[in-house]
Amino acid sequence: MKIFIYVLFTISLIFIISGYIIEDINSEKFIGGGTFLLFFIVIPLFLYYRWQNKKLKDFILDNEELKKMKDDN
């Protein structure tokens, strides 16, 4: 999964860069396709890959944690 995400990221960057380098009527389609690939496919896959075994409760600050932090000080 990690290699797949890196490959998609590289492909999206190649599309975006080639869209700026190539002076053609389709250059805007390359930039748009690379941006679409990056933001709607690569980033959600990356976030899913990084957060798949994490517990959300570990990252939420609730009243008990605040009280514990105040008591420690």
Protein backbone atom coordinates (compact mmCIF):
# COMPACT_ATOMS: atom_id res chain seq x y z
CA MET A 1 0.00 0.00 0.00
CA LYS A 2 2.85 2.35 0.85
CA ILE A 3 4.55 1.84 -2.51
CA PHE A 4 1.21 2.23 -4.32
CA ILE A 5 0.66 5.61 -2.63
CA TYR A 6 4.18 6.75 -3.55
CA VAL A 7 3.65 5.72 -7.17
CA LEU A 8 0.34 7.60 -7.39
CA PHE A 9 1.93 10.65 -5.74
CA THR A 10 4.79 10.59 -8.25
CA ILE A 11 2.39 10.23 -11.17
CA SER A 12 0.31 13.18 -9.97
CA LEU A 13 3.42 15.35 -9.59
CA ILE A 14 4.58 14.34 -13.07
CA PHE A 15 1.19 15.34 -14.49
CA ILE A 16 1.25 18.72 -12.74
CA ILE A 17 4.86 19.52 -13.70
CA SER A 18 4.43 18.36 -17.29
CA GLY A 19 1.30 20.52 -17.55
CA TYR A 20 3.39 23.57 -16.69
CA ILE A 21 6.29 22.60 -18.93
CA ILE A 22 4.31 21.60 -22.04
CA GLU A 23 2.87 24.57 -23.88
CA ASP A 24 -0.12 22.86 -25.46
CA ILE A 25 -3.88 23.17 -25.42
CA ASN A 26 -4.09 20.05 -23.20
CA SER A 27 -1.67 21.36 -20.59
CA GLU A 28 -4.52 22.53 -18.37
CA LYS A 29 -5.97 19.02 -18.47
CA PHE A 30 -2.67 17.60 -17.23
CA ILE A 31 -2.58 20.09 -14.35
CA GLY A 32 -6.21 19.43 -13.47
CA GLY A 33 -5.84 15.66 -13.71
CA GLY A 34 -2.74 15.69 -11.52
CA THR A 35 -4.44 17.90 -8.95
CA PHE A 36 -7.55 15.71 -8.96
CA LEU A 37 -5.43 12.59 -8.53
CA LEU A 38 -3.47 14.16 -5.69
CA PHE A 39 -6.32 15.60 -3.65
CA PHE A 40 -9.12 13.10 -4.23
CA ILE A 41 -7.23 9.82 -4.45
CA VAL A 42 -3.69 10.06 -3.04
CA ILE A 43 -4.40 12.09 0.11
CA PRO A 44 -7.43 9.99 1.24
CA LEU A 45 -5.46 6.78 0.64
CA PHE A 46 -2.53 8.19 2.61
CA LEU A 47 -4.77 9.23 5.50
CA TYR A 48 -6.46 5.84 5.58
CA TYR A 49 -3.09 4.08 5.51
CA ARG A 50 -1.69 6.17 8.36
CA TRP A 51 -4.78 6.05 10.63
CA GLN A 52 -6.02 2.48 10.07
CA ASN A 53 -4.79 1.05 13.42
CA LYS A 54 -5.14 4.14 15.59
CA LYS A 55 -7.79 4.85 18.20
CA LEU A 56 -9.45 8.23 17.92
CA LYS A 57 -9.93 8.38 21.70
CA ASP A 58 -6.16 8.66 22.15
CA PHE A 59 -6.16 11.99 20.29
CA ILE A 60 -9.22 13.62 21.91
CA LEU A 61 -8.76 15.91 24.89
CA ASP A 62 -11.73 15.51 27.25
CA ASN A 63 -12.56 16.87 30.72
CA GLU A 64 -10.82 14.01 32.55
CA GLU A 65 -7.58 14.65 30.71
CA LEU A 66 -7.83 18.39 31.41
CA LYS A 67 -8.33 17.73 35.13
CA LYS A 68 -5.37 15.36 35.13
CA MET A 69 -3.20 17.98 33.45
CA LYS A 70 -4.26 20.65 35.97
CA ASP A 71 -3.56 18.34 38.92
CA ASP A 72 -0.09 17.52 37.60
CA ASN A 73 0.84 21.20 37.57
